[in-house]
Amino acid sequence: MLCINSKNNIGGFMTFKFFCMLSISFSGNLVFHKCIQMAEIRLEKELLEISKDPPPGCSAGPLDDNIFIWEAMIAGPYDDEKSPYAGGVFFLRLTIPNNYPWQPPMVKFLTDIYHPNVKQSSRDLCLNILSSGWSPDLTISKLLLCIKALLDSPDPNGGKLSLSEALTYNRTAADWTRKCAMLDEY
């Protein structure tokens, strides 16, 4: 029997981390299954929260019956002259590891996008909170809001581009948005 002092339990995360760390010392699939089960419980809770109160301009949910693979939609800003992603609708795939929330999801754009934080060859998103900046306090909803902020207020190359380079970037990103992320109106 495993007993953990409730004073050490911060929102269930400390218990989960302690349980998973303790499980490393035991062999067998049963303990590994328990860690996956804890991640599933967390993801089910997040899914319920997203369903009830989705982040503005975002939606997400599991693909088919796999709680560890989600598809998301993020709407670019509406009629905003500051963002080349205005009016676009962007689809993403989130691949969530079995030890979530201790490890971040991998995020890949399914929609072609021209953005400095997206690898053009693979469409993988490169973002600090998806690596060293990740915290178990972050949720899928918070992650989607961070990605939406990248589309609402892009800052190519941290503002280090010259004016002509920034204009070229904005034109190219807007062209890609028109070609790849605008939904046809019927």
N, C-alpha and C. Protein backbone atom coordinates (compact mmCIF):
# COMPACT_ATOMS: atom_id res chain seq x y z
N MET A 1 0.84 -1.18 0.00
CA MET A 1 0.00 0.00 0.00
C MET A 1 0.89 1.23 0.00
N LEU A 2 0.51 2.22 -0.82
CA LEU A 2 1.28 3.45 -0.96
C LEU A 2 0.54 4.58 -0.27
N CYS A 3 1.16 5.20 0.72
CA CYS A 3 0.54 6.32 1.41
C CYS A 3 1.35 7.57 1.16
N ILE A 4 0.67 8.64 0.79
CA ILE A 4 1.34 9.90 0.55
C ILE A 4 0.64 10.97 1.37
N ASN A 5 1.42 11.73 2.08
CA ASN A 5 0.89 12.81 2.90
C ASN A 5 0.17 13.82 2.01
N SER A 6 -1.06 14.18 2.34
CA SER A 6 -1.85 15.10 1.51
C SER A 6 -1.22 16.49 1.45
N LYS A 7 -0.36 16.85 2.39
CA LYS A 7 0.31 18.15 2.35
C LYS A 7 1.28 18.23 1.16
N ASN A 8 1.75 17.08 0.70
CA ASN A 8 2.67 17.04 -0.42
C ASN A 8 1.94 16.94 -1.76
N ASN A 9 0.64 16.86 -1.71
CA ASN A 9 -0.14 16.69 -2.93
C ASN A 9 -0.64 18.04 -3.41
N ILE A 10 -0.04 18.55 -4.49
CA ILE A 10 -0.43 19.83 -5.06
C ILE A 10 -1.23 19.55 -6.32
N GLY A 11 -2.53 19.60 -6.23
CA GLY A 11 -3.38 19.37 -7.38
C GLY A 11 -3.23 17.99 -8.01
N GLY A 12 -2.78 17.03 -7.25
CA GLY A 12 -2.63 15.69 -7.77
C GLY A 12 -1.30 15.46 -8.49
N PHE A 13 -0.57 16.53 -8.81
CA PHE A 13 0.66 16.39 -9.58
C PHE A 13 1.76 15.75 -8.76
N MET A 14 1.90 16.15 -7.51
CA MET A 14 2.97 15.61 -6.67
C MET A 14 2.74 14.11 -6.48
N THR A 15 1.51 13.72 -6.24
CA THR A 15 1.19 12.31 -6.07
C THR A 15 1.56 11.54 -7.32
N PHE A 16 1.16 12.07 -8.48
CA PHE A 16 1.43 11.41 -9.76
C PHE A 16 2.93 11.28 -10.00
N LYS A 17 3.67 12.36 -9.78
CA LYS A 17 5.10 12.33 -10.02
C LYS A 17 5.78 11.36 -9.06
N PHE A 18 5.39 11.39 -7.80
CA PHE A 18 5.97 10.50 -6.82
C PHE A 18 5.67 9.04 -7.18
N PHE A 19 4.43 8.79 -7.59
CA PHE A 19 4.03 7.43 -7.96
C PHE A 19 4.86 6.95 -9.15
N CYS A 20 5.01 7.80 -10.17
CA CYS A 20 5.76 7.39 -11.36
C CYS A 20 7.24 7.23 -11.05
N MET A 21 7.79 8.09 -10.19
CA MET A 21 9.20 7.95 -9.82
C MET A 21 9.40 6.66 -9.03
N LEU A 22 8.47 6.37 -8.14
CA LEU A 22 8.55 5.16 -7.35
C LEU A 22 8.44 3.93 -8.23
N SER A 23 7.62 4.04 -9.29
CA SER A 23 7.39 2.88 -10.15
C SER A 23 8.64 2.47 -10.92
N ILE A 24 9.57 3.37 -11.10
CA ILE A 24 10.80 3.04 -11.82
C ILE A 24 11.56 1.93 -11.10
N SER A 25 11.45 1.90 -9.79
CA SER A 25 12.20 0.89 -9.04
C SER A 25 11.55 -0.49 -9.12
N PHE A 26 10.32 -0.57 -9.58
CA PHE A 26 9.65 -1.85 -9.70
C PHE A 26 9.67 -2.28 -11.16
N SER A 27 9.70 -3.57 -11.39
CA SER A 27 9.66 -4.05 -12.77
C SER A 27 8.25 -4.56 -13.07
N GLY A 28 7.95 -4.66 -14.36
CA GLY A 28 6.66 -5.20 -14.77
C GLY A 28 5.80 -4.16 -15.44
N ASN A 29 4.87 -4.64 -16.22
CA ASN A 29 3.98 -3.77 -16.99
C ASN A 29 2.88 -3.14 -16.15
N LEU A 30 2.56 -3.73 -15.02
CA LEU A 30 1.46 -3.22 -14.21
C LEU A 30 1.73 -1.79 -13.75
N VAL A 31 2.92 -1.51 -13.30
CA VAL A 31 3.26 -0.17 -12.82
C VAL A 31 3.27 0.82 -13.99
N PHE A 32 3.83 0.41 -15.12
CA PHE A 32 3.82 1.28 -16.31
C PHE A 32 2.38 1.59 -16.72
N HIS A 33 1.53 0.59 -16.64
CA HIS A 33 0.12 0.78 -16.97
C HIS A 33 -0.52 1.80 -16.03
N LYS A 34 -0.14 1.81 -14.77
CA LYS A 34 -0.70 2.77 -13.81
C LYS A 34 -0.33 4.21 -14.19
N CYS A 35 0.92 4.44 -14.66
CA CYS A 35 1.32 5.78 -15.09
C CYS A 35 0.52 6.23 -16.29
N ILE A 36 0.32 5.32 -17.24
CA ILE A 36 -0.50 5.64 -18.41
C ILE A 36 -1.92 5.96 -17.96
N GLN A 37 -2.42 5.17 -17.02
CA GLN A 37 -3.77 5.38 -16.52
C GLN A 37 -3.90 6.77 -15.87
N MET A 38 -2.88 7.21 -15.16
CA MET A 38 -2.91 8.54 -14.55
C MET A 38 -2.94 9.63 -15.63
N ALA A 39 -2.17 9.44 -16.70
CA ALA A 39 -2.18 10.41 -17.81
C ALA A 39 -3.55 10.43 -18.47
N GLU A 40 -4.16 9.27 -18.63
CA GLU A 40 -5.50 9.21 -19.22
C GLU A 40 -6.52 9.96 -18.39
N ILE A 41 -6.44 9.81 -17.07
CA ILE A 41 -7.35 10.52 -16.17
C ILE A 41 -7.18 12.02 -16.34
N ARG A 42 -5.94 12.49 -16.38
CA ARG A 42 -5.67 13.92 -16.56
C ARG A 42 -6.23 14.41 -17.90
N LEU A 43 -5.99 13.65 -18.97
CA LEU A 43 -6.45 14.05 -20.29
C LEU A 43 -7.98 14.05 -20.38
N GLU A 44 -8.63 13.09 -19.75
CA GLU A 44 -10.09 13.07 -19.73
C GLU A 44 -10.64 14.32 -19.04
N LYS A 45 -9.99 14.71 -17.95
CA LYS A 45 -10.39 15.92 -17.22
C LYS A 45 -10.21 17.15 -18.11
N GLU A 46 -9.08 17.23 -18.80
CA GLU A 46 -8.83 18.37 -19.68
C GLU A 46 -9.81 18.40 -20.85
N LEU A 47 -10.14 17.23 -21.37
CA LEU A 47 -11.11 17.16 -22.46
C LEU A 47 -12.46 17.68 -22.01
N LEU A 48 -12.87 17.31 -20.83
CA LEU A 48 -14.14 17.79 -20.29
C LEU A 48 -14.12 19.31 -20.14
N GLU A 49 -13.01 19.85 -19.64
CA GLU A 49 -12.89 21.30 -19.47
C GLU A 49 -12.91 22.03 -20.81
N ILE A 50 -12.20 21.49 -21.82
CA ILE A 50 -12.19 22.11 -23.15
C ILE A 50 -13.58 22.05 -23.78
N SER A 51 -14.29 20.95 -23.56
CA SER A 51 -15.63 20.81 -24.11
C SER A 51 -16.60 21.82 -23.50
N LYS A 52 -16.46 22.05 -22.20
CA LYS A 52 -17.35 22.99 -21.50
C LYS A 52 -16.97 24.44 -21.75
N ASP A 53 -15.68 24.73 -21.78
CA ASP A 53 -15.20 26.11 -21.88
C ASP A 53 -13.96 26.17 -22.77
N PRO A 54 -14.17 26.09 -24.10
CA PRO A 54 -13.00 26.09 -24.98
C PRO A 54 -12.28 27.44 -24.98
N PRO A 55 -10.97 27.42 -25.20
CA PRO A 55 -10.25 28.69 -25.31
C PRO A 55 -10.79 29.47 -26.52
N PRO A 56 -10.82 30.79 -26.44
CA PRO A 56 -11.35 31.59 -27.55
C PRO A 56 -10.62 31.29 -28.87
N GLY A 57 -11.40 30.99 -29.90
CA GLY A 57 -10.83 30.73 -31.22
C GLY A 57 -10.16 29.39 -31.36
N CYS A 58 -10.40 28.47 -30.42
CA CYS A 58 -9.72 27.17 -30.45
C CYS A 58 -10.72 26.05 -30.17
N SER A 59 -10.41 24.88 -30.69
CA SER A 59 -11.13 23.67 -30.31
C SER A 59 -10.14 22.52 -30.40
N ALA A 60 -10.41 21.46 -29.64
CA ALA A 60 -9.50 20.31 -29.63
C ALA A 60 -10.21 19.10 -29.05
N GLY A 61 -9.73 17.94 -29.44
CA GLY A 61 -10.25 16.70 -28.90
C GLY A 61 -9.49 15.52 -29.45
N PRO A 62 -9.68 14.36 -28.84
CA PRO A 62 -8.97 13.16 -29.27
C PRO A 62 -9.36 12.75 -30.69
N LEU A 63 -8.40 12.21 -31.39
CA LEU A 63 -8.62 11.67 -32.72
C LEU A 63 -9.11 10.24 -32.55
N ASP A 64 -10.25 9.94 -33.09
CA ASP A 64 -10.87 8.62 -32.94
C ASP A 64 -11.01 8.30 -31.45
N ASP A 65 -10.55 7.16 -31.03
CA ASP A 65 -10.68 6.76 -29.62
C ASP A 65 -9.36 6.81 -28.88
N ASN A 66 -8.36 7.47 -29.45
CA ASN A 66 -7.03 7.50 -28.82
C ASN A 66 -6.87 8.80 -28.04
N ILE A 67 -6.89 8.72 -26.74
CA ILE A 67 -6.80 9.90 -25.87
C ILE A 67 -5.42 10.56 -25.95
N PHE A 68 -4.43 9.87 -26.53
CA PHE A 68 -3.08 10.41 -26.61
C PHE A 68 -2.78 11.10 -27.94
N ILE A 69 -3.72 11.10 -28.86
CA ILE A 69 -3.56 11.83 -30.12
C ILE A 69 -4.78 12.72 -30.31
N TRP A 70 -4.53 14.03 -30.31
CA TRP A 70 -5.61 15.01 -30.44
C TRP A 70 -5.45 15.79 -31.73
N GLU A 71 -6.57 16.26 -32.23
CA GLU A 71 -6.55 17.24 -33.31
C GLU A 71 -7.13 18.52 -32.76
N ALA A 72 -6.56 19.62 -33.22
CA ALA A 72 -6.99 20.93 -32.73
C ALA A 72 -7.20 21.86 -33.92
N MET A 73 -8.01 22.88 -33.69
CA MET A 73 -8.24 23.92 -34.67
C MET A 73 -8.02 25.25 -33.96
N ILE A 74 -7.27 26.12 -34.63
CA ILE A 74 -7.04 27.47 -34.10
C ILE A 74 -7.39 28.45 -35.21
N ALA A 75 -8.25 29.38 -34.89
CA ALA A 75 -8.62 30.42 -35.84
C ALA A 75 -7.65 31.58 -35.72
N GLY A 76 -7.16 32.04 -36.86
CA GLY A 76 -6.32 33.23 -36.86
C GLY A 76 -7.17 34.43 -36.48
N PRO A 77 -6.55 35.57 -36.24
CA PRO A 77 -7.33 36.75 -35.87
C PRO A 77 -8.27 37.15 -37.02
N TYR A 78 -9.39 37.77 -36.68
CA TYR A 78 -10.35 38.20 -37.68
C TYR A 78 -10.09 39.63 -38.09
N ASP A 79 -9.97 39.87 -39.38
CA ASP A 79 -9.82 41.23 -39.93
C ASP A 79 -8.77 42.05 -39.19
N ASP A 80 -7.66 41.47 -38.94
CA ASP A 80 -6.59 42.15 -38.23
C ASP A 80 -5.46 42.42 -39.21
N GLU A 81 -5.19 43.68 -39.46
CA GLU A 81 -4.14 44.05 -40.40
C GLU A 81 -2.74 43.78 -39.85
N LYS A 82 -2.61 43.54 -38.55
CA LYS A 82 -1.30 43.35 -37.93
C LYS A 82 -0.78 41.93 -38.11
N SER A 83 -1.65 41.00 -38.40
CA SER A 83 -1.23 39.61 -38.49
C SER A 83 -1.45 39.06 -39.90
N PRO A 84 -0.43 38.44 -40.48
CA PRO A 84 -0.61 37.82 -41.80
C PRO A 84 -1.46 36.55 -41.73
N TYR A 85 -1.84 36.12 -40.54
CA TYR A 85 -2.64 34.91 -40.36
C TYR A 85 -4.12 35.23 -40.20
N ALA A 86 -4.50 36.49 -40.39
CA ALA A 86 -5.88 36.92 -40.23
C ALA A 86 -6.79 36.15 -41.17
N GLY A 87 -7.88 35.66 -40.63
CA GLY A 87 -8.88 34.95 -41.41
C GLY A 87 -8.56 33.49 -41.68
N GLY A 88 -7.39 33.03 -41.29
CA GLY A 88 -7.02 31.64 -41.53
C GLY A 88 -7.55 30.71 -40.45
N VAL A 89 -7.71 29.46 -40.82
CA VAL A 89 -8.09 28.41 -39.88
C VAL A 89 -7.00 27.34 -39.97
N PHE A 90 -6.38 27.06 -38.84
CA PHE A 90 -5.21 26.19 -38.81
C PHE A 90 -5.51 24.93 -38.01
N PHE A 91 -5.18 23.80 -38.60
CA PHE A 91 -5.41 22.51 -37.94
C PHE A 91 -4.06 21.95 -37.48
N LEU A 92 -4.09 21.34 -36.29
CA LEU A 92 -2.87 20.82 -35.67
C LEU A 92 -3.11 19.40 -35.15
N ARG A 93 -2.03 18.66 -35.00
CA ARG A 93 -2.08 17.36 -34.34
C ARG A 93 -1.20 17.43 -33.11
N LEU A 94 -1.75 17.01 -31.98
CA LEU A 94 -1.00 16.96 -30.73
C LEU A 94 -0.79 15.49 -30.38
N THR A 95 0.46 15.09 -30.26
CA THR A 95 0.80 13.73 -29.85
C THR A 95 1.26 13.82 -28.40
N ILE A 96 0.49 13.22 -27.53
CA ILE A 96 0.70 13.38 -26.09
C ILE A 96 1.42 12.15 -25.55
N PRO A 97 2.52 12.35 -24.83
CA PRO A 97 3.28 11.20 -24.32
C PRO A 97 2.55 10.49 -23.17
N ASN A 98 2.92 9.24 -22.95
CA ASN A 98 2.30 8.44 -21.88
C ASN A 98 2.56 9.01 -20.49
N ASN A 99 3.62 9.79 -20.34
CA ASN A 99 3.93 10.35 -19.02
C ASN A 99 3.48 11.82 -18.91
N TYR A 100 2.50 12.21 -19.71
CA TYR A 100 1.88 13.52 -19.58
C TYR A 100 1.25 13.61 -18.20
N PRO A 101 1.32 14.68 -17.49
CA PRO A 101 1.75 16.03 -17.85
C PRO A 101 3.22 16.32 -17.58
N TRP A 102 4.01 15.30 -17.29
CA TRP A 102 5.41 15.56 -16.96
C TRP A 102 6.25 15.84 -18.20
N GLN A 103 5.78 15.40 -19.33
CA GLN A 103 6.43 15.71 -20.60
C GLN A 103 5.41 16.41 -21.49
N PRO A 104 5.86 17.35 -22.32
CA PRO A 104 4.93 18.11 -23.16
C PRO A 104 4.48 17.32 -24.38
N PRO A 105 3.34 17.70 -24.93
CA PRO A 105 2.93 17.09 -26.20
C PRO A 105 3.85 17.54 -27.33
N MET A 106 3.86 16.79 -28.42
CA MET A 106 4.50 17.24 -29.65
C MET A 106 3.39 17.84 -30.50
N VAL A 107 3.66 18.99 -31.09
CA VAL A 107 2.64 19.70 -31.87
C VAL A 107 3.11 19.83 -33.31
N LYS A 108 2.23 19.45 -34.21
CA LYS A 108 2.53 19.53 -35.64
C LYS A 108 1.35 20.21 -36.33
N PHE A 109 1.65 21.19 -37.16
CA PHE A 109 0.61 21.83 -37.96
C PHE A 109 0.21 20.88 -39.09
N LEU A 110 -1.06 20.63 -39.25
CA LEU A 110 -1.55 19.86 -40.39
C LEU A 110 -1.77 20.79 -41.58
N THR A 111 -2.05 22.05 -41.29
CA THR A 111 -2.21 23.07 -42.31
C THR A 111 -0.83 23.65 -42.62
N ASP A 112 -0.53 23.80 -43.91
CA ASP A 112 0.72 24.46 -44.28
C ASP A 112 0.70 25.89 -43.73
N ILE A 113 1.81 26.30 -43.15
CA ILE A 113 1.90 27.64 -42.55
C ILE A 113 3.34 28.13 -42.69
N TYR A 114 3.47 29.40 -42.95
CA TYR A 114 4.78 30.04 -43.02
C TYR A 114 4.94 30.83 -41.73
N HIS A 115 5.73 30.29 -40.82
CA HIS A 115 5.90 30.91 -39.50
C HIS A 115 7.29 30.57 -38.99
N PRO A 116 7.97 31.52 -38.34
CA PRO A 116 9.34 31.25 -37.88
C PRO A 116 9.43 30.16 -36.80
N ASN A 117 8.34 29.85 -36.12
CA ASN A 117 8.35 28.82 -35.09
C ASN A 117 7.92 27.45 -35.61
N VAL A 118 7.71 27.34 -36.92
CA VAL A 118 7.26 26.07 -37.49
C VAL A 118 8.29 25.60 -38.51
N LYS A 119 8.80 24.38 -38.30
CA LYS A 119 9.75 23.81 -39.26
C LYS A 119 9.02 23.55 -40.57
N GLN A 120 9.53 24.12 -41.65
CA GLN A 120 8.84 23.99 -42.92
C GLN A 120 8.81 22.55 -43.43
N SER A 121 9.86 21.79 -43.20
CA SER A 121 9.93 20.43 -43.74
C SER A 121 8.95 19.47 -43.05
N SER A 122 8.78 19.62 -41.74
CA SER A 122 7.95 18.68 -40.99
C SER A 122 6.67 19.30 -40.43
N ARG A 123 6.60 20.63 -40.43
CA ARG A 123 5.49 21.40 -39.83
C ARG A 123 5.41 21.22 -38.31
N ASP A 124 6.50 20.77 -37.67
CA ASP A 124 6.57 20.68 -36.21
C ASP A 124 6.70 22.07 -35.64
N LEU A 125 6.02 22.30 -34.52
CA LEU A 125 6.08 23.59 -33.83
C LEU A 125 7.25 23.60 -32.87
N CYS A 126 8.08 24.64 -32.95
CA CYS A 126 9.21 24.82 -32.03
C CYS A 126 8.84 25.96 -31.10
N LEU A 127 8.69 25.65 -29.84
CA LEU A 127 8.24 26.62 -28.86
C LEU A 127 8.85 26.26 -27.52
N ASN A 128 9.29 27.25 -26.77
CA ASN A 128 9.95 27.02 -25.49
C ASN A 128 9.10 26.15 -24.56
N ILE A 129 7.80 26.39 -24.50
CA ILE A 129 6.98 25.61 -23.56
C ILE A 129 6.80 24.16 -24.01
N LEU A 130 7.25 23.83 -25.21
CA LEU A 130 7.19 22.45 -25.65
C LEU A 130 8.52 21.72 -25.41
N SER A 131 9.40 22.36 -24.70
CA SER A 131 10.68 21.72 -24.34
C SER A 131 11.04 22.12 -22.92
N SER A 132 12.08 22.90 -22.76
CA SER A 132 12.58 23.23 -21.42
C SER A 132 11.61 24.08 -20.61
N GLY A 133 10.72 24.79 -21.26
CA GLY A 133 9.77 25.65 -20.55
C GLY A 133 8.48 24.97 -20.14
N TRP A 134 8.39 23.67 -20.38
CA TRP A 134 7.16 22.94 -20.04
C TRP A 134 7.02 22.78 -18.54
N SER A 135 5.78 22.84 -18.07
CA SER A 135 5.46 22.63 -16.66
C SER A 135 4.21 21.77 -16.58
N PRO A 136 4.10 20.89 -15.60
CA PRO A 136 2.89 20.09 -15.44
C PRO A 136 1.65 20.94 -15.15
N ASP A 137 1.87 22.20 -14.78
CA ASP A 137 0.73 23.09 -14.56
C ASP A 137 0.07 23.51 -15.86
N LEU A 138 0.79 23.37 -16.98
CA LEU A 138 0.23 23.74 -18.27
C LEU A 138 -0.76 22.67 -18.72
N THR A 139 -1.75 23.11 -19.48
CA THR A 139 -2.77 22.21 -19.99
C THR A 139 -2.85 22.35 -21.51
N ILE A 140 -3.62 21.49 -22.12
CA ILE A 140 -3.83 21.59 -23.56
C ILE A 140 -4.47 22.94 -23.89
N SER A 141 -5.42 23.39 -23.09
CA SER A 141 -6.06 24.70 -23.32
C SER A 141 -5.04 25.84 -23.28
N LYS A 142 -4.17 25.82 -22.29
CA LYS A 142 -3.16 26.87 -22.18
C LYS A 142 -2.18 26.81 -23.35
N LEU A 143 -1.84 25.60 -23.77
CA LEU A 143 -0.95 25.44 -24.91
C LEU A 143 -1.59 26.02 -26.17
N LEU A 144 -2.87 25.74 -26.39
CA LEU A 144 -3.57 26.27 -27.55
C LEU A 144 -3.61 27.80 -27.53
N LEU A 145 -3.80 28.37 -26.36
CA LEU A 145 -3.79 29.84 -26.24
C LEU A 145 -2.42 30.41 -26.59
N CYS A 146 -1.35 29.74 -26.18
CA CYS A 146 0.00 30.20 -26.53
C CYS A 146 0.22 30.15 -28.04
N ILE A 147 -0.25 29.08 -28.67
CA ILE A 147 -0.10 28.97 -30.13
C ILE A 147 -0.93 30.03 -30.82
N LYS A 148 -2.13 30.28 -30.33
CA LYS A 148 -2.98 31.32 -30.91
C LYS A 148 -2.31 32.68 -30.80
N ALA A 149 -1.65 32.95 -29.68
CA ALA A 149 -0.94 34.22 -29.50
C ALA A 149 0.17 34.38 -30.55
N LEU A 150 0.81 33.27 -30.94
CA LEU A 150 1.83 33.34 -31.99
C LEU A 150 1.23 33.77 -33.32
N LEU A 151 -0.02 33.37 -33.55
CA LEU A 151 -0.69 33.75 -34.80
C LEU A 151 -1.27 35.16 -34.72
N ASP A 152 -1.75 35.53 -33.56
CA ASP A 152 -2.35 36.86 -33.40
C ASP A 152 -1.32 37.98 -33.44
N SER A 153 -0.15 37.74 -32.88
CA SER A 153 0.89 38.77 -32.81
C SER A 153 2.25 38.17 -33.15
N PRO A 154 2.45 37.82 -34.40
CA PRO A 154 3.74 37.22 -34.75
C PRO A 154 4.86 38.24 -34.66
N ASP A 155 6.01 37.77 -34.24
CA ASP A 155 7.19 38.62 -34.15
C ASP A 155 8.34 37.86 -34.81
N PRO A 156 8.40 37.95 -36.15
CA PRO A 156 9.42 37.16 -36.84
C PRO A 156 10.82 37.51 -36.39
N ASN A 157 11.53 36.47 -36.00
CA ASN A 157 12.93 36.61 -35.60
C ASN A 157 13.12 37.60 -34.44
N GLY A 158 12.15 37.66 -33.57
CA GLY A 158 12.26 38.52 -32.38
C GLY A 158 12.43 39.99 -32.71
N GLY A 159 11.88 40.43 -33.86
CA GLY A 159 11.99 41.83 -34.24
C GLY A 159 13.35 42.20 -34.80
N LYS A 160 14.20 41.22 -35.08
CA LYS A 160 15.56 41.49 -35.55
C LYS A 160 15.63 41.66 -37.08
N LEU A 161 14.50 41.49 -37.76
CA LEU A 161 14.49 41.64 -39.21
C LEU A 161 14.47 43.12 -39.59
N SER A 162 15.08 43.42 -40.71
CA SER A 162 14.99 44.79 -41.22
C SER A 162 13.56 45.03 -41.68
N LEU A 163 13.21 46.26 -41.95
CA LEU A 163 11.86 46.60 -42.37
C LEU A 163 11.50 45.87 -43.66
N SER A 164 12.41 45.83 -44.64
CA SER A 164 12.11 45.15 -45.89
C SER A 164 11.98 43.63 -45.68
N GLU A 165 12.81 43.06 -44.80
CA GLU A 165 12.70 41.62 -44.50
C GLU A 165 11.37 41.31 -43.80
N ALA A 166 10.97 42.17 -42.88
CA ALA A 166 9.70 41.98 -42.17
C ALA A 166 8.52 42.08 -43.13
N LEU A 167 8.58 43.01 -44.07
CA LEU A 167 7.51 43.14 -45.06
C LEU A 167 7.44 41.89 -45.95
N THR A 168 8.60 41.39 -46.34
CA THR A 168 8.65 40.16 -47.15
C THR A 168 8.07 38.99 -46.37
N TYR A 169 8.45 38.87 -45.10
CA TYR A 169 7.91 37.81 -44.25
C TYR A 169 6.40 37.92 -44.18
N ASN A 170 5.88 39.10 -43.88
CA ASN A 170 4.43 39.29 -43.75
C ASN A 170 3.70 38.96 -45.05
N ARG A 171 4.26 39.39 -46.19
CA ARG A 171 3.63 39.08 -47.48
C ARG A 171 3.60 37.57 -47.72
N THR A 172 4.72 36.91 -47.46
CA THR A 172 4.80 35.47 -47.69
C THR A 172 3.84 34.72 -46.77
N ALA A 173 3.82 35.08 -45.49
CA ALA A 173 2.92 34.43 -44.53
C ALA A 173 1.46 34.66 -44.91
N ALA A 174 1.12 35.86 -45.34
CA ALA A 174 -0.26 36.16 -45.75
C ALA A 174 -0.63 35.36 -47.00
N ASP A 175 0.30 35.24 -47.94
CA ASP A 175 0.03 34.43 -49.14
C ASP A 175 -0.23 32.97 -48.77
N TRP A 176 0.60 32.41 -47.90
CA TRP A 176 0.42 31.03 -47.47
C TRP A 176 -0.92 30.87 -46.75
N THR A 177 -1.28 31.85 -45.93
CA THR A 177 -2.56 31.79 -45.22
C THR A 177 -3.70 31.76 -46.22
N ARG A 178 -3.67 32.64 -47.23
CA ARG A 178 -4.73 32.67 -48.24
C ARG A 178 -4.80 31.35 -49.00
N LYS A 179 -3.65 30.78 -49.34
CA LYS A 179 -3.62 29.55 -50.15
C LYS A 179 -3.95 28.30 -49.34
N CYS A 180 -3.54 28.26 -48.08
CA CYS A 180 -3.60 27.01 -47.32
C CYS A 180 -4.58 26.99 -46.15
N ALA A 181 -4.94 28.16 -45.62
CA ALA A 181 -5.70 28.16 -44.37
C ALA A 181 -7.06 28.86 -44.46
N MET A 182 -7.41 29.33 -45.62
CA MET A 182 -8.72 29.96 -45.78
C MET A 182 -9.72 28.88 -46.16
N LEU A 183 -10.80 28.79 -45.39
CA LEU A 183 -11.83 27.82 -45.71
C LEU A 183 -12.68 28.36 -46.86
N ASP A 184 -13.00 27.49 -47.78
CA ASP A 184 -13.86 27.90 -48.88
C ASP A 184 -15.25 28.21 -48.37
N GLU A 185 -15.80 29.30 -48.85
CA GLU A 185 -17.16 29.67 -48.46
C GLU A 185 -18.11 29.16 -49.53
N TYR A 186 -19.18 28.52 -49.09
CA TYR A 186 -20.14 27.98 -50.04
C TYR A 186 -21.42 28.76 -49.98
